[in-house]
Amino acid sequence: SKDLKEAMEILIEQKRQKLSTVEKLDEHMDFASQLIFAQNRGDLTAENVNQCVLEMMIAAPDTLSVTLFFMLILIAEHPTVEEEMMREIETVMGKQELQS
């Protein structure tokens, strides 16, 4: 738990450093960035930011797997959507082999 907390603090500090050096902020505005700016404004504490990022990291695999499952079910139930997706993949990838 302590190691995970320290790892989160390092990641947040790396993100903070990156935000301080980018030219166009709008290209780097994700949820973690919003949390960091909220802390800079005094709306959140460093502990609040760390906890939010930690919860996102821990919860993401569960929510992602459920979302992907339902996405695949919906694609399977709508063959025309699947065909459109395959055409778009072929248009973008051309003859290149798909990689994970």
C-alpha atoms as a PDB file:
ATOM      1  CA  SER A   1       0.000   0.000   0.000  1.00  0.00           C
ATOM      2  CA  LYS A   2       2.819   2.407   0.898  1.00  0.00           C
ATOM      3  CA  ASP A   3       4.727   1.444  -2.266  1.00  0.00           C
ATOM      4  CA  LEU A   4       1.624   2.013  -4.382  1.00  0.00           C
ATOM      5  CA  LYS A   5       1.049   5.416  -2.798  1.00  0.00           C
ATOM      6  CA  GLU A   6       4.670   6.406  -3.447  1.00  0.00           C
ATOM      7  CA  ALA A   7       4.393   5.217  -7.058  1.00  0.00           C
ATOM      8  CA  MET A   8       1.255   7.371  -7.521  1.00  0.00           C
ATOM      9  CA  GLU A   9       3.051  10.399  -6.102  1.00  0.00           C
ATOM     10  CA  ILE A  10       5.914   9.870  -8.556  1.00  0.00           C
ATOM     11  CA  LEU A  11       3.522   9.519 -11.512  1.00  0.00           C
ATOM     12  CA  ILE A  12       1.608  12.647 -10.510  1.00  0.00           C
ATOM     13  CA  GLU A  13       4.824  14.613 -10.143  1.00  0.00           C
ATOM     14  CA  GLN A  14       5.942  13.441 -13.602  1.00  0.00           C
ATOM     15  CA  LYS A  15       2.593  14.582 -15.006  1.00  0.00           C
ATOM     16  CA  ARG A  16       2.949  17.930 -13.199  1.00  0.00           C
ATOM     17  CA  GLN A  17       6.417  18.406 -14.726  1.00  0.00           C
ATOM     18  CA  LYS A  18       5.119  17.541 -18.196  1.00  0.00           C
ATOM     19  CA  LEU A  19       2.261  20.038 -17.859  1.00  0.00           C
ATOM     20  CA  SER A  20       4.697  22.763 -16.882  1.00  0.00           C
ATOM     21  CA  THR A  21       6.684  22.321 -20.109  1.00  0.00           C
ATOM     22  CA  VAL A  22       4.027  21.812 -22.783  1.00  0.00           C
ATOM     23  CA  GLU A  23       3.284  24.562 -25.268  1.00  0.00           C
ATOM     24  CA  LYS A  24      -0.389  23.743 -25.898  1.00  0.00           C
ATOM     25  CA  LEU A  25      -2.190  22.769 -22.721  1.00  0.00           C
ATOM     26  CA  ASP A  26      -5.422  21.828 -24.476  1.00  0.00           C
ATOM     27  CA  GLU A  27      -3.703  18.826 -26.082  1.00  0.00           C
ATOM     28  CA  HIS A  28      -2.770  17.461 -22.639  1.00  0.00           C
ATOM     29  CA  MET A  29      -5.943  18.153 -20.659  1.00  0.00           C
ATOM     30  CA  ASP A  30      -7.084  14.835 -19.264  1.00  0.00           C
ATOM     31  CA  PHE A  31      -8.664  14.030 -15.909  1.00  0.00           C
ATOM     32  CA  ALA A  32      -5.321  13.834 -14.096  1.00  0.00           C
ATOM     33  CA  SER A  33      -4.406  17.265 -15.467  1.00  0.00           C
ATOM     34  CA  GLN A  34      -7.714  18.676 -14.242  1.00  0.00           C
ATOM     35  CA  LEU A  35      -7.004  17.264 -10.777  1.00  0.00           C
ATOM     36  CA  ILE A  36      -3.543  18.831 -10.725  1.00  0.00           C
ATOM     37  CA  PHE A  37      -4.921  22.230 -11.721  1.00  0.00           C
ATOM     38  CA  ALA A  38      -7.645  21.926  -9.070  1.00  0.00           C
ATOM     39  CA  GLN A  39      -4.881  21.360  -6.515  1.00  0.00           C
ATOM     40  CA  ASN A  40      -2.959  24.377  -7.859  1.00  0.00           C
ATOM     41  CA  ARG A  41      -6.116  26.498  -7.366  1.00  0.00           C
ATOM     42  CA  GLY A  42      -6.497  25.188  -3.828  1.00  0.00           C
ATOM     43  CA  ASP A  43      -9.697  23.253  -4.578  1.00  0.00           C
ATOM     44  CA  LEU A  44      -8.066  19.893  -3.751  1.00  0.00           C
ATOM     45  CA  THR A  45      -5.238  18.757  -1.516  1.00  0.00           C
ATOM     46  CA  ALA A  46      -2.296  16.669  -2.742  1.00  0.00           C
ATOM     47  CA  GLU A  47      -3.846  13.735  -0.848  1.00  0.00           C
ATOM     48  CA  ASN A  48      -7.148  14.227  -2.727  1.00  0.00           C
ATOM     49  CA  VAL A  49      -5.321  14.154  -6.072  1.00  0.00           C
ATOM     50  CA  ASN A  50      -3.299  11.078  -5.103  1.00  0.00           C
ATOM     51  CA  GLN A  51      -6.415   9.226  -3.948  1.00  0.00           C
ATOM     52  CA  CYS A  52      -8.366  10.066  -7.128  1.00  0.00           C
ATOM     53  CA  VAL A  53      -5.541   8.895  -9.394  1.00  0.00           C
ATOM     54  CA  LEU A  54      -5.061   5.740  -7.320  1.00  0.00           C
ATOM     55  CA  GLU A  55      -8.767   4.921  -7.537  1.00  0.00           C
ATOM     56  CA  MET A  56      -8.728   5.476 -11.308  1.00  0.00           C
ATOM     57  CA  MET A  57      -5.779   3.094 -11.669  1.00  0.00           C
ATOM     58  CA  ILE A  58      -7.362   0.397  -9.510  1.00  0.00           C
ATOM     59  CA  ALA A  59     -10.893   0.676 -10.924  1.00  0.00           C
ATOM     60  CA  ALA A  60      -9.915   0.934 -14.591  1.00  0.00           C
ATOM     61  CA  PRO A  61      -9.349  -2.791 -15.280  1.00  0.00           C
ATOM     62  CA  ASP A  62     -12.799  -3.734 -13.920  1.00  0.00           C
ATOM     63  CA  THR A  63     -14.708  -1.009 -15.734  1.00  0.00           C
ATOM     64  CA  LEU A  64     -12.709  -1.535 -18.918  1.00  0.00           C
ATOM     65  CA  SER A  65     -13.422  -5.266 -19.038  1.00  0.00           C
ATOM     66  CA  VAL A  66     -17.170  -4.706 -18.547  1.00  0.00           C
ATOM     67  CA  THR A  67     -17.230  -1.945 -21.169  1.00  0.00           C
ATOM     68  CA  LEU A  68     -15.338  -4.072 -23.705  1.00  0.00           C
ATOM     69  CA  PHE A  69     -17.643  -7.029 -23.047  1.00  0.00           C
ATOM     70  CA  PHE A  70     -20.768  -4.967 -23.758  1.00  0.00           C
ATOM     71  CA  MET A  71     -19.130  -3.327 -26.773  1.00  0.00           C
ATOM     72  CA  LEU A  72     -18.379  -6.748 -28.264  1.00  0.00           C
ATOM     73  CA  ILE A  73     -21.920  -7.953 -27.551  1.00  0.00           C
ATOM     74  CA  LEU A  74     -23.366  -4.870 -29.275  1.00  0.00           C
ATOM     75  CA  ILE A  75     -21.082  -5.327 -32.284  1.00  0.00           C
ATOM     76  CA  ALA A  76     -22.101  -8.987 -32.535  1.00  0.00           C
ATOM     77  CA  GLU A  77     -25.772  -7.977 -32.447  1.00  0.00           C
ATOM     78  CA  HIS A  78     -25.311  -5.344 -35.192  1.00  0.00           C
ATOM     79  CA  PRO A  79     -23.491  -6.923 -38.166  1.00  0.00           C
ATOM     80  CA  THR A  80     -23.745  -3.747 -40.279  1.00  0.00           C
ATOM     81  CA  VAL A  81     -21.804  -1.843 -37.628  1.00  0.00           C
ATOM     82  CA  GLU A  82     -19.187  -4.612 -37.602  1.00  0.00           C
ATOM     83  CA  GLU A  83     -18.887  -4.375 -41.403  1.00  0.00           C
ATOM     84  CA  GLU A  84     -18.444  -0.599 -41.212  1.00  0.00           C
ATOM     85  CA  MET A  85     -15.766  -0.997 -38.543  1.00  0.00           C
ATOM     86  CA  MET A  86     -13.915  -3.563 -40.649  1.00  0.00           C
ATOM     87  CA  ARG A  87     -14.044  -1.254 -43.698  1.00  0.00           C
ATOM     88  CA  GLU A  88     -12.627   1.598 -41.635  1.00  0.00           C
ATOM     89  CA  ILE A  89      -9.832  -0.610 -40.284  1.00  0.00           C
ATOM     90  CA  GLU A  90      -8.977  -1.723 -43.821  1.00  0.00           C
ATOM     91  CA  THR A  91      -9.038   1.898 -45.046  1.00  0.00           C
ATOM     92  CA  VAL A  92      -6.701   3.057 -42.293  1.00  0.00           C
ATOM     93  CA  MET A  93      -4.409   0.013 -42.195  1.00  0.00           C
ATOM     94  CA  GLY A  94      -4.370  -0.874 -45.888  1.00  0.00           C
ATOM     95  CA  LYS A  95      -2.333  -4.034 -46.408  1.00  0.00           C
ATOM     96  CA  GLN A  96      -0.506  -3.694 -43.078  1.00  0.00           C
ATOM     97  CA  GLU A  97      -0.898  -6.549 -40.660  1.00  0.00           C
ATOM     98  CA  LEU A  98      -2.912  -5.732 -37.529  1.00  0.00           C
ATOM     99  CA  GLN A  99      -0.990  -5.799 -34.259  1.00  0.00           C
ATOM    100  CA  SER A 100      -2.211  -5.792 -30.679  1.00  0.00           C
END
